Amino acid sequence: MGSFELDLSPETVTQLAEFYSLLTRWNDRLHLVAPCEPEEFAVRHVLESLLLLQYLPSKATVADVGSGGGLPIIPCLIARPDLEATLIESSQKKVVFLREALNRLGLRATILARPFEEVPAPPVSFVTCRALDQFMRKLPALINWAPRGSTLLLFGGETLGHQLRRANVNFEQLLIPQSEKRYLFLTTD
């Protein structure tokens, strides 16, 4: 799939289309993502989310903080049902959507309907975050919250890189394909 270097089965593509259809039906009420054309949704939301797969080994355990509309974790669960995920979302309305999406798509995951700061970190090897409210302000708390030895997989711009440096976090910064200023940040030991 172009510069994203993904090989998706027809079944996975069909299920991703079902996710898009479900999300767009709920989006007017819940503002899960900014309105966009299907092509932009496919690239900016789905393919960017699926970038995580190359860093997640088989049967990886993942906490997705600020799951909102299910990005990045639901596309990852569709493509890789072996993943074990905990979705953490503070908005009760968005939690209703997440439950509906998981049920409709036949996916399994745990949902914690609370702010991440109010729940103990689940025993996971990876923590993802793509669109957390007040992300820059909450970043230090997220770093401290993440289980010791886990890898953070964070989506953001240059400002996130500056914040990670300021927090003395070692990381790799990877430019997202077809983007000029959006990055995937991977913390390293």
N, C-alpha and C. Protein backbone atom coordinates (compact mmCIF):
# COMPACT_ATOMS: atom_id res chain seq x y z
N MET A 1 0.83 -1.18 0.00
CA MET A 1 0.00 0.00 0.00
C MET A 1 0.88 1.25 0.00
N GLY A 2 1.57 1.48 -1.12
CA GLY A 2 2.37 2.69 -1.26
C GLY A 2 3.51 2.73 -0.28
N SER A 3 3.83 3.93 0.18
CA SER A 3 4.98 4.12 1.05
C SER A 3 4.75 3.62 2.47
N PHE A 4 3.58 3.12 2.77
CA PHE A 4 3.33 2.59 4.11
C PHE A 4 3.80 1.15 4.24
N GLU A 5 4.14 0.50 3.13
CA GLU A 5 4.69 -0.85 3.11
C GLU A 5 3.83 -1.83 3.91
N LEU A 6 2.55 -1.85 3.61
CA LEU A 6 1.62 -2.76 4.27
C LEU A 6 1.06 -3.73 3.25
N ASP A 7 0.84 -4.95 3.69
CA ASP A 7 0.21 -5.95 2.85
C ASP A 7 -1.04 -6.42 3.60
N LEU A 8 -2.18 -5.88 3.20
CA LEU A 8 -3.43 -6.16 3.89
C LEU A 8 -4.28 -7.13 3.09
N SER A 9 -4.85 -8.11 3.77
CA SER A 9 -5.72 -9.07 3.10
C SER A 9 -7.03 -8.38 2.69
N PRO A 10 -7.72 -8.93 1.69
CA PRO A 10 -9.03 -8.38 1.31
C PRO A 10 -10.01 -8.34 2.49
N GLU A 11 -9.95 -9.36 3.35
CA GLU A 11 -10.84 -9.39 4.52
C GLU A 11 -10.53 -8.23 5.46
N THR A 12 -9.25 -7.93 5.65
CA THR A 12 -8.85 -6.81 6.52
C THR A 12 -9.33 -5.50 5.93
N VAL A 13 -9.16 -5.33 4.62
CA VAL A 13 -9.60 -4.09 3.97
C VAL A 13 -11.12 -3.93 4.11
N THR A 14 -11.86 -5.02 3.96
CA THR A 14 -13.32 -4.98 4.12
C THR A 14 -13.69 -4.56 5.54
N GLN A 15 -13.01 -5.12 6.51
CA GLN A 15 -13.31 -4.80 7.91
C GLN A 15 -12.91 -3.35 8.23
N LEU A 16 -11.82 -2.86 7.65
CA LEU A 16 -11.43 -1.46 7.84
C LEU A 16 -12.48 -0.53 7.23
N ALA A 17 -13.05 -0.93 6.10
CA ALA A 17 -14.14 -0.15 5.48
C ALA A 17 -15.37 -0.14 6.38
N GLU A 18 -15.67 -1.26 7.02
CA GLU A 18 -16.78 -1.32 7.97
C GLU A 18 -16.53 -0.38 9.15
N PHE A 19 -15.29 -0.34 9.62
CA PHE A 19 -14.93 0.57 10.71
C PHE A 19 -15.15 2.02 10.28
N TYR A 20 -14.71 2.35 9.07
CA TYR A 20 -14.89 3.72 8.55
C TYR A 20 -16.38 4.07 8.50
N SER A 21 -17.19 3.16 8.00
CA SER A 21 -18.62 3.40 7.88
C SER A 21 -19.25 3.63 9.26
N LEU A 22 -18.88 2.81 10.22
CA LEU A 22 -19.41 2.95 11.58
C LEU A 22 -18.96 4.28 12.20
N LEU A 23 -17.68 4.60 12.05
CA LEU A 23 -17.16 5.82 12.64
C LEU A 23 -17.83 7.06 12.03
N THR A 24 -18.03 7.07 10.72
CA THR A 24 -18.66 8.24 10.09
C THR A 24 -20.11 8.40 10.53
N ARG A 25 -20.81 7.29 10.79
CA ARG A 25 -22.19 7.40 11.29
C ARG A 25 -22.23 8.01 12.68
N TRP A 26 -21.27 7.73 13.51
CA TRP A 26 -21.23 8.25 14.88
C TRP A 26 -20.54 9.62 14.96
N ASN A 27 -19.79 9.97 13.96
CA ASN A 27 -18.93 11.16 14.04
C ASN A 27 -19.71 12.47 14.21
N ASP A 28 -20.87 12.60 13.55
CA ASP A 28 -21.64 13.84 13.68
C ASP A 28 -22.02 14.13 15.12
N ARG A 29 -22.35 13.09 15.86
CA ARG A 29 -22.76 13.27 17.26
C ARG A 29 -21.59 13.42 18.22
N LEU A 30 -20.51 12.68 17.97
CA LEU A 30 -19.44 12.58 18.97
C LEU A 30 -18.14 13.29 18.59
N HIS A 31 -18.02 13.74 17.35
CA HIS A 31 -16.78 14.42 16.90
C HIS A 31 -15.56 13.55 17.19
N LEU A 32 -15.56 12.35 16.66
CA LEU A 32 -14.49 11.39 16.89
C LEU A 32 -13.23 11.75 16.11
N VAL A 33 -13.41 12.22 14.88
CA VAL A 33 -12.30 12.70 14.04
C VAL A 33 -12.79 13.91 13.26
N ALA A 34 -11.83 14.71 12.78
CA ALA A 34 -12.21 15.83 11.93
C ALA A 34 -12.83 15.27 10.65
N PRO A 35 -13.93 15.88 10.16
CA PRO A 35 -14.54 15.38 8.92
C PRO A 35 -13.52 15.39 7.78
N CYS A 36 -13.53 14.33 6.99
CA CYS A 36 -12.61 14.23 5.85
C CYS A 36 -13.16 13.25 4.82
N GLU A 37 -12.61 13.32 3.65
CA GLU A 37 -13.00 12.41 2.57
C GLU A 37 -12.47 11.00 2.88
N PRO A 38 -13.10 9.98 2.28
CA PRO A 38 -12.66 8.60 2.54
C PRO A 38 -11.17 8.36 2.27
N GLU A 39 -10.64 8.97 1.21
CA GLU A 39 -9.23 8.78 0.89
C GLU A 39 -8.33 9.34 1.98
N GLU A 40 -8.69 10.53 2.49
CA GLU A 40 -7.89 11.13 3.55
C GLU A 40 -8.01 10.30 4.82
N PHE A 41 -9.21 9.81 5.13
CA PHE A 41 -9.38 8.96 6.30
C PHE A 41 -8.50 7.72 6.18
N ALA A 42 -8.50 7.11 5.00
CA ALA A 42 -7.70 5.90 4.79
C ALA A 42 -6.23 6.15 5.07
N VAL A 43 -5.70 7.26 4.57
CA VAL A 43 -4.28 7.55 4.74
C VAL A 43 -3.99 8.08 6.13
N ARG A 44 -4.64 9.18 6.48
CA ARG A 44 -4.30 9.92 7.70
C ARG A 44 -4.67 9.15 8.97
N HIS A 45 -5.74 8.39 8.93
CA HIS A 45 -6.16 7.71 10.14
C HIS A 45 -5.84 6.21 10.13
N VAL A 46 -6.21 5.51 9.07
CA VAL A 46 -6.02 4.06 9.07
C VAL A 46 -4.57 3.68 8.79
N LEU A 47 -4.02 4.13 7.67
CA LEU A 47 -2.65 3.72 7.34
C LEU A 47 -1.64 4.23 8.37
N GLU A 48 -1.83 5.46 8.85
CA GLU A 48 -0.93 5.96 9.88
C GLU A 48 -1.03 5.11 11.14
N SER A 49 -2.24 4.70 11.52
CA SER A 49 -2.41 3.84 12.69
C SER A 49 -1.68 2.51 12.49
N LEU A 50 -1.79 1.97 11.29
CA LEU A 50 -1.19 0.66 11.01
C LEU A 50 0.33 0.68 10.98
N LEU A 51 0.94 1.86 10.99
CA LEU A 51 2.39 1.95 11.11
C LEU A 51 2.88 1.27 12.38
N LEU A 52 2.05 1.25 13.40
CA LEU A 52 2.44 0.64 14.67
C LEU A 52 2.75 -0.85 14.53
N LEU A 53 2.13 -1.51 13.57
CA LEU A 53 2.24 -2.97 13.48
C LEU A 53 3.68 -3.44 13.35
N GLN A 54 4.52 -2.69 12.66
CA GLN A 54 5.90 -3.13 12.48
C GLN A 54 6.69 -3.11 13.79
N TYR A 55 6.17 -2.46 14.82
CA TYR A 55 6.86 -2.38 16.11
C TYR A 55 6.24 -3.27 17.17
N LEU A 56 5.12 -3.91 16.84
CA LEU A 56 4.41 -4.75 17.79
C LEU A 56 4.64 -6.22 17.45
N PRO A 57 5.38 -6.94 18.30
CA PRO A 57 5.61 -8.36 18.03
C PRO A 57 4.33 -9.17 18.19
N SER A 58 4.38 -10.40 17.79
CA SER A 58 3.23 -11.29 17.92
C SER A 58 2.75 -11.32 19.37
N LYS A 59 1.43 -11.24 19.55
CA LYS A 59 0.77 -11.29 20.85
C LYS A 59 1.19 -10.15 21.79
N ALA A 60 1.57 -9.03 21.22
CA ALA A 60 1.96 -7.87 22.03
C ALA A 60 0.78 -7.39 22.88
N THR A 61 1.11 -6.84 24.04
CA THR A 61 0.12 -6.25 24.93
C THR A 61 0.25 -4.73 24.82
N VAL A 62 -0.90 -4.07 24.59
CA VAL A 62 -0.89 -2.64 24.28
C VAL A 62 -1.97 -1.92 25.08
N ALA A 63 -1.60 -0.76 25.64
CA ALA A 63 -2.58 0.15 26.22
C ALA A 63 -2.69 1.34 25.28
N ASP A 64 -3.91 1.64 24.85
CA ASP A 64 -4.16 2.79 23.97
C ASP A 64 -4.82 3.87 24.82
N VAL A 65 -4.08 4.95 25.07
CA VAL A 65 -4.55 6.01 25.96
C VAL A 65 -5.25 7.09 25.14
N GLY A 66 -6.46 7.44 25.56
CA GLY A 66 -7.25 8.43 24.82
C GLY A 66 -7.78 7.83 23.53
N SER A 67 -8.37 6.66 23.63
CA SER A 67 -8.79 5.89 22.44
C SER A 67 -9.79 6.63 21.56
N GLY A 68 -10.67 7.44 22.14
CA GLY A 68 -11.60 8.26 21.36
C GLY A 68 -12.35 7.49 20.29
N GLY A 69 -11.99 7.73 19.04
CA GLY A 69 -12.61 7.05 17.90
C GLY A 69 -11.97 5.72 17.56
N GLY A 70 -11.11 5.21 18.44
CA GLY A 70 -10.49 3.91 18.20
C GLY A 70 -9.20 3.96 17.42
N LEU A 71 -8.64 5.16 17.29
CA LEU A 71 -7.40 5.31 16.54
C LEU A 71 -6.25 5.58 17.51
N PRO A 72 -5.19 4.85 17.41
CA PRO A 72 -4.78 3.92 16.34
C PRO A 72 -5.15 2.46 16.57
N ILE A 73 -5.74 2.11 17.72
CA ILE A 73 -5.78 0.71 18.11
C ILE A 73 -6.76 -0.14 17.32
N ILE A 74 -7.93 0.35 16.96
CA ILE A 74 -8.90 -0.52 16.26
C ILE A 74 -8.38 -0.98 14.89
N PRO A 75 -7.81 -0.11 14.05
CA PRO A 75 -7.22 -0.64 12.81
C PRO A 75 -6.14 -1.70 13.08
N CYS A 76 -5.35 -1.51 14.14
CA CYS A 76 -4.32 -2.50 14.48
C CYS A 76 -4.95 -3.82 14.89
N LEU A 77 -6.03 -3.78 15.68
CA LEU A 77 -6.71 -5.01 16.09
C LEU A 77 -7.36 -5.70 14.90
N ILE A 78 -7.86 -4.93 13.95
CA ILE A 78 -8.45 -5.52 12.74
C ILE A 78 -7.38 -6.27 11.96
N ALA A 79 -6.22 -5.64 11.79
CA ALA A 79 -5.15 -6.25 11.00
C ALA A 79 -4.42 -7.35 11.75
N ARG A 80 -4.40 -7.26 13.08
CA ARG A 80 -3.65 -8.22 13.90
C ARG A 80 -4.46 -8.65 15.11
N PRO A 81 -5.36 -9.61 14.94
CA PRO A 81 -6.21 -10.05 16.05
C PRO A 81 -5.43 -10.69 17.21
N ASP A 82 -4.15 -10.97 17.00
CA ASP A 82 -3.33 -11.55 18.07
C ASP A 82 -2.98 -10.54 19.16
N LEU A 83 -3.15 -9.25 18.88
CA LEU A 83 -2.80 -8.22 19.85
C LEU A 83 -3.78 -8.25 21.02
N GLU A 84 -3.27 -7.96 22.20
CA GLU A 84 -4.11 -7.86 23.40
C GLU A 84 -4.11 -6.39 23.81
N ALA A 85 -5.28 -5.76 23.74
CA ALA A 85 -5.35 -4.31 23.94
C ALA A 85 -6.25 -3.91 25.09
N THR A 86 -5.83 -2.82 25.74
CA THR A 86 -6.65 -2.14 26.72
C THR A 86 -6.86 -0.72 26.21
N LEU A 87 -8.12 -0.34 25.99
CA LEU A 87 -8.46 0.99 25.50
C LEU A 87 -8.85 1.85 26.70
N ILE A 88 -8.21 2.99 26.84
CA ILE A 88 -8.47 3.87 27.98
C ILE A 88 -9.04 5.18 27.44
N GLU A 89 -10.28 5.47 27.82
CA GLU A 89 -10.99 6.65 27.31
C GLU A 89 -11.83 7.25 28.42
N SER A 90 -11.68 8.55 28.65
CA SER A 90 -12.41 9.21 29.74
C SER A 90 -13.82 9.65 29.35
N SER A 91 -14.09 9.86 28.06
CA SER A 91 -15.42 10.30 27.63
C SER A 91 -16.37 9.12 27.57
N GLN A 92 -17.43 9.17 28.39
CA GLN A 92 -18.39 8.07 28.42
C GLN A 92 -19.07 7.88 27.08
N LYS A 93 -19.35 8.97 26.37
CA LYS A 93 -19.98 8.86 25.04
C LYS A 93 -19.07 8.13 24.06
N LYS A 94 -17.78 8.44 24.11
CA LYS A 94 -16.84 7.77 23.20
C LYS A 94 -16.66 6.31 23.59
N VAL A 95 -16.77 6.01 24.87
CA VAL A 95 -16.71 4.61 25.32
C VAL A 95 -17.86 3.81 24.72
N VAL A 96 -19.04 4.41 24.65
CA VAL A 96 -20.19 3.73 24.02
C VAL A 96 -19.84 3.40 22.57
N PHE A 97 -19.26 4.36 21.85
CA PHE A 97 -18.85 4.10 20.46
C PHE A 97 -17.82 2.97 20.41
N LEU A 98 -16.82 3.02 21.27
CA LEU A 98 -15.77 1.99 21.25
C LEU A 98 -16.35 0.60 21.48
N ARG A 99 -17.27 0.49 22.43
CA ARG A 99 -17.91 -0.81 22.67
C ARG A 99 -18.67 -1.29 21.44
N GLU A 100 -19.42 -0.36 20.83
CA GLU A 100 -20.18 -0.70 19.63
C GLU A 100 -19.24 -1.14 18.50
N ALA A 101 -18.15 -0.39 18.31
CA ALA A 101 -17.21 -0.73 17.24
C ALA A 101 -16.58 -2.10 17.48
N LEU A 102 -16.14 -2.37 18.69
CA LEU A 102 -15.54 -3.67 18.98
C LEU A 102 -16.55 -4.79 18.75
N ASN A 103 -17.79 -4.59 19.22
CA ASN A 103 -18.82 -5.62 19.04
C ASN A 103 -19.14 -5.84 17.57
N ARG A 104 -19.39 -4.77 16.83
CA ARG A 104 -19.75 -4.89 15.41
C ARG A 104 -18.65 -5.53 14.58
N LEU A 105 -17.40 -5.24 14.94
CA LEU A 105 -16.26 -5.74 14.17
C LEU A 105 -15.76 -7.09 14.67
N GLY A 106 -16.36 -7.58 15.76
CA GLY A 106 -15.95 -8.87 16.30
C GLY A 106 -14.56 -8.85 16.92
N LEU A 107 -14.19 -7.73 17.52
CA LEU A 107 -12.86 -7.58 18.11
C LEU A 107 -12.95 -7.71 19.62
N ARG A 108 -11.85 -8.18 20.21
CA ARG A 108 -11.80 -8.30 21.66
C ARG A 108 -10.78 -7.32 22.22
N ALA A 109 -11.18 -6.61 23.26
CA ALA A 109 -10.28 -5.70 23.96
C ALA A 109 -10.95 -5.32 25.27
N THR A 110 -10.16 -4.84 26.19
CA THR A 110 -10.67 -4.33 27.45
C THR A 110 -10.82 -2.82 27.32
N ILE A 111 -11.91 -2.27 27.83
CA ILE A 111 -12.11 -0.82 27.81
C ILE A 111 -12.16 -0.33 29.26
N LEU A 112 -11.33 0.67 29.56
CA LEU A 112 -11.37 1.35 30.85
C LEU A 112 -11.95 2.74 30.62
N ALA A 113 -13.10 2.99 31.20
CA ALA A 113 -13.83 4.25 30.98
C ALA A 113 -13.48 5.27 32.04
N ARG A 114 -12.21 5.66 32.06
CA ARG A 114 -11.70 6.63 33.03
C ARG A 114 -10.48 7.33 32.44
N PRO A 115 -10.11 8.48 32.97
CA PRO A 115 -8.84 9.09 32.55
C PRO A 115 -7.69 8.16 32.96
N PHE A 116 -6.64 8.12 32.16
CA PHE A 116 -5.53 7.21 32.47
C PHE A 116 -4.93 7.50 33.84
N GLU A 117 -4.96 8.76 34.25
CA GLU A 117 -4.38 9.13 35.54
C GLU A 117 -5.12 8.50 36.72
N GLU A 118 -6.35 8.05 36.49
CA GLU A 118 -7.17 7.50 37.57
C GLU A 118 -7.19 5.98 37.61
N VAL A 119 -6.44 5.34 36.72
CA VAL A 119 -6.39 3.87 36.71
C VAL A 119 -4.94 3.42 36.76
N PRO A 120 -4.68 2.30 37.40
CA PRO A 120 -3.32 1.77 37.35
C PRO A 120 -3.00 1.34 35.92
N ALA A 121 -1.77 1.51 35.54
CA ALA A 121 -1.36 1.09 34.20
C ALA A 121 -1.51 -0.43 34.09
N PRO A 122 -2.14 -0.91 33.03
CA PRO A 122 -2.24 -2.36 32.85
C PRO A 122 -0.84 -2.93 32.56
N PRO A 123 -0.64 -4.21 32.82
CA PRO A 123 0.67 -4.82 32.57
C PRO A 123 0.89 -5.04 31.06
N VAL A 124 1.34 -4.00 30.39
CA VAL A 124 1.53 -4.05 28.94
C VAL A 124 2.97 -3.74 28.58
N SER A 125 3.34 -4.13 27.37
CA SER A 125 4.68 -3.84 26.86
C SER A 125 4.73 -2.57 26.03
N PHE A 126 3.54 -2.12 25.55
CA PHE A 126 3.48 -0.94 24.69
C PHE A 126 2.34 -0.03 25.13
N VAL A 127 2.57 1.28 25.01
CA VAL A 127 1.55 2.28 25.29
C VAL A 127 1.46 3.17 24.05
N THR A 128 0.25 3.29 23.49
CA THR A 128 0.05 4.15 22.33
C THR A 128 -0.80 5.36 22.72
N CYS A 129 -0.59 6.43 21.99
CA CYS A 129 -1.40 7.63 22.20
C CYS A 129 -1.33 8.44 20.91
N ARG A 130 -2.51 8.84 20.42
CA ARG A 130 -2.57 9.58 19.17
C ARG A 130 -3.24 10.93 19.32
N ALA A 131 -4.28 11.02 20.12
CA ALA A 131 -5.04 12.27 20.19
C ALA A 131 -5.62 12.47 21.58
N LEU A 132 -4.77 12.61 22.56
CA LEU A 132 -5.20 12.82 23.94
C LEU A 132 -5.45 14.30 24.17
N ASP A 133 -6.59 14.64 24.79
CA ASP A 133 -6.85 16.04 25.14
C ASP A 133 -5.73 16.56 26.03
N GLN A 134 -5.28 17.77 25.75
CA GLN A 134 -4.22 18.42 26.52
C GLN A 134 -2.97 17.54 26.59
N PHE A 135 -2.61 16.96 25.44
CA PHE A 135 -1.53 15.98 25.37
C PHE A 135 -0.22 16.53 25.92
N MET A 136 0.19 17.71 25.52
CA MET A 136 1.48 18.23 25.97
C MET A 136 1.50 18.43 27.48
N ARG A 137 0.41 18.87 28.05
CA ARG A 137 0.36 19.07 29.50
C ARG A 137 0.38 17.73 30.23
N LYS A 138 -0.24 16.71 29.63
CA LYS A 138 -0.34 15.41 30.28
C LYS A 138 0.83 14.48 29.97
N LEU A 139 1.71 14.86 29.07
CA LEU A 139 2.80 13.97 28.66
C LEU A 139 3.66 13.51 29.84
N PRO A 140 4.11 14.39 30.73
CA PRO A 140 4.92 13.90 31.86
C PRO A 140 4.18 12.85 32.70
N ALA A 141 2.88 13.06 32.93
CA ALA A 141 2.09 12.08 33.69
C ALA A 141 2.00 10.76 32.92
N LEU A 142 1.84 10.82 31.61
CA LEU A 142 1.77 9.61 30.79
C LEU A 142 3.08 8.84 30.85
N ILE A 143 4.20 9.54 30.77
CA ILE A 143 5.51 8.90 30.84
C ILE A 143 5.67 8.19 32.18
N ASN A 144 5.29 8.85 33.27
CA ASN A 144 5.40 8.25 34.60
C ASN A 144 4.41 7.11 34.81
N TRP A 145 3.25 7.20 34.15
CA TRP A 145 2.20 6.19 34.28
C TRP A 145 2.55 4.89 33.57
N ALA A 146 3.22 5.00 32.44
CA ALA A 146 3.52 3.83 31.60
C ALA A 146 4.31 2.79 32.41
N PRO A 147 3.99 1.51 32.23
CA PRO A 147 4.71 0.47 32.97
C PRO A 147 6.22 0.52 32.68
N ARG A 148 6.99 0.27 33.71
CA ARG A 148 8.45 0.26 33.59
C ARG A 148 8.87 -0.72 32.49
N GLY A 149 9.73 -0.29 31.61
CA GLY A 149 10.22 -1.13 30.53
C GLY A 149 9.33 -1.16 29.30
N SER A 150 8.17 -0.50 29.36
CA SER A 150 7.29 -0.49 28.18
C SER A 150 7.80 0.53 27.17
N THR A 151 7.38 0.36 25.94
CA THR A 151 7.72 1.27 24.86
C THR A 151 6.52 2.15 24.57
N LEU A 152 6.74 3.46 24.53
CA LEU A 152 5.67 4.37 24.15
C LEU A 152 5.73 4.58 22.64
N LEU A 153 4.58 4.51 21.99
CA LEU A 153 4.42 4.76 20.56
C LEU A 153 3.46 5.93 20.44
N LEU A 154 4.02 7.11 20.19
CA LEU A 154 3.25 8.35 20.25
C LEU A 154 3.24 9.05 18.91
N PHE A 155 2.11 9.59 18.54
CA PHE A 155 1.96 10.35 17.31
C PHE A 155 1.99 11.83 17.64
N GLY A 156 2.74 12.61 16.86
CA GLY A 156 2.76 14.05 17.11
C GLY A 156 3.69 14.77 16.17
N GLY A 157 3.88 16.04 16.46
CA GLY A 157 4.75 16.89 15.66
C GLY A 157 6.05 17.19 16.39
N GLU A 158 6.78 18.17 15.87
CA GLU A 158 8.08 18.55 16.44
C GLU A 158 7.98 18.89 17.92
N THR A 159 6.87 19.51 18.32
CA THR A 159 6.72 19.92 19.72
C THR A 159 6.79 18.71 20.65
N LEU A 160 6.23 17.59 20.23
CA LEU A 160 6.31 16.38 21.04
C LEU A 160 7.75 15.93 21.20
N GLY A 161 8.54 16.01 20.14
CA GLY A 161 9.96 15.67 20.23
C GLY A 161 10.68 16.56 21.23
N HIS A 162 10.38 17.86 21.21
CA HIS A 162 11.00 18.79 22.18
C HIS A 162 10.61 18.42 23.61
N GLN A 163 9.33 18.07 23.80
CA GLN A 163 8.85 17.70 25.14
C GLN A 163 9.53 16.42 25.64
N LEU A 164 9.69 15.44 24.76
CA LEU A 164 10.36 14.20 25.15
C LEU A 164 11.82 14.45 25.51
N ARG A 165 12.51 15.31 24.75
CA ARG A 165 13.89 15.67 25.07
C ARG A 165 13.95 16.35 26.44
N ARG A 166 13.04 17.27 26.67
CA ARG A 166 12.98 18.00 27.94
C ARG A 166 12.76 17.04 29.11
N ALA A 167 12.02 15.96 28.85
CA ALA A 167 11.74 14.97 29.90
C ALA A 167 12.85 13.91 30.00
N ASN A 168 13.94 14.10 29.24
CA ASN A 168 15.07 13.17 29.23
C ASN A 168 14.67 11.75 28.83
N VAL A 169 13.78 11.66 27.85
CA VAL A 169 13.34 10.37 27.33
C VAL A 169 14.09 10.09 26.04
N ASN A 170 14.67 8.90 25.94
CA ASN A 170 15.34 8.48 24.70
C ASN A 170 14.26 8.02 23.73
N PHE A 171 14.39 8.45 22.47
CA PHE A 171 13.36 8.09 21.49
C PHE A 171 13.91 8.13 20.08
N GLU A 172 13.18 7.44 19.21
CA GLU A 172 13.38 7.55 17.76
C GLU A 172 12.23 8.38 17.22
N GLN A 173 12.51 9.21 16.23
CA GLN A 173 11.49 10.06 15.62
C GLN A 173 11.41 9.68 14.15
N LEU A 174 10.27 9.11 13.74
CA LEU A 174 10.11 8.62 12.37
C LEU A 174 9.05 9.44 11.66
N LEU A 175 9.43 10.04 10.53
CA LEU A 175 8.49 10.82 9.73
C LEU A 175 7.44 9.87 9.16
N ILE A 176 6.19 10.24 9.33
CA ILE A 176 5.09 9.43 8.81
C ILE A 176 5.04 9.60 7.29
N PRO A 177 4.94 8.49 6.53
CA PRO A 177 4.87 8.59 5.07
C PRO A 177 3.76 9.55 4.63
N GLN A 178 4.02 10.25 3.54
CA GLN A 178 3.10 11.22 2.94
C GLN A 178 2.80 12.39 3.87
N SER A 179 3.72 12.64 4.81
CA SER A 179 3.57 13.76 5.74
C SER A 179 4.85 14.57 5.73
N GLU A 180 4.72 15.85 6.00
CA GLU A 180 5.89 16.71 6.10
C GLU A 180 6.25 17.02 7.54
N LYS A 181 5.29 16.87 8.46
CA LYS A 181 5.59 17.29 9.83
C LYS A 181 4.89 16.46 10.91
N ARG A 182 4.39 15.29 10.56
CA ARG A 182 3.81 14.39 11.55
C ARG A 182 4.76 13.21 11.73
N TYR A 183 4.93 12.81 13.00
CA TYR A 183 5.91 11.79 13.33
C TYR A 183 5.32 10.71 14.22
N LEU A 184 5.96 9.55 14.17
CA LEU A 184 5.74 8.51 15.16
C LEU A 184 6.98 8.51 16.03
N PHE A 185 6.78 8.66 17.33
CA PHE A 185 7.88 8.66 18.30
C PHE A 185 7.86 7.34 19.05
N LEU A 186 9.01 6.66 19.10
CA LEU A 186 9.15 5.40 19.82
C LEU A 186 10.16 5.63 20.91
N THR A 187 9.75 5.41 22.16
CA THR A 187 10.72 5.55 23.23
C THR A 187 11.63 4.34 23.24
N THR A 188 12.87 4.57 23.59
CA THR A 188 13.88 3.51 23.64
C THR A 188 14.57 3.58 25.00
N ASP A 189 15.11 2.46 25.43
CA ASP A 189 15.81 2.46 26.73
C ASP A 189 17.20 3.05 26.60
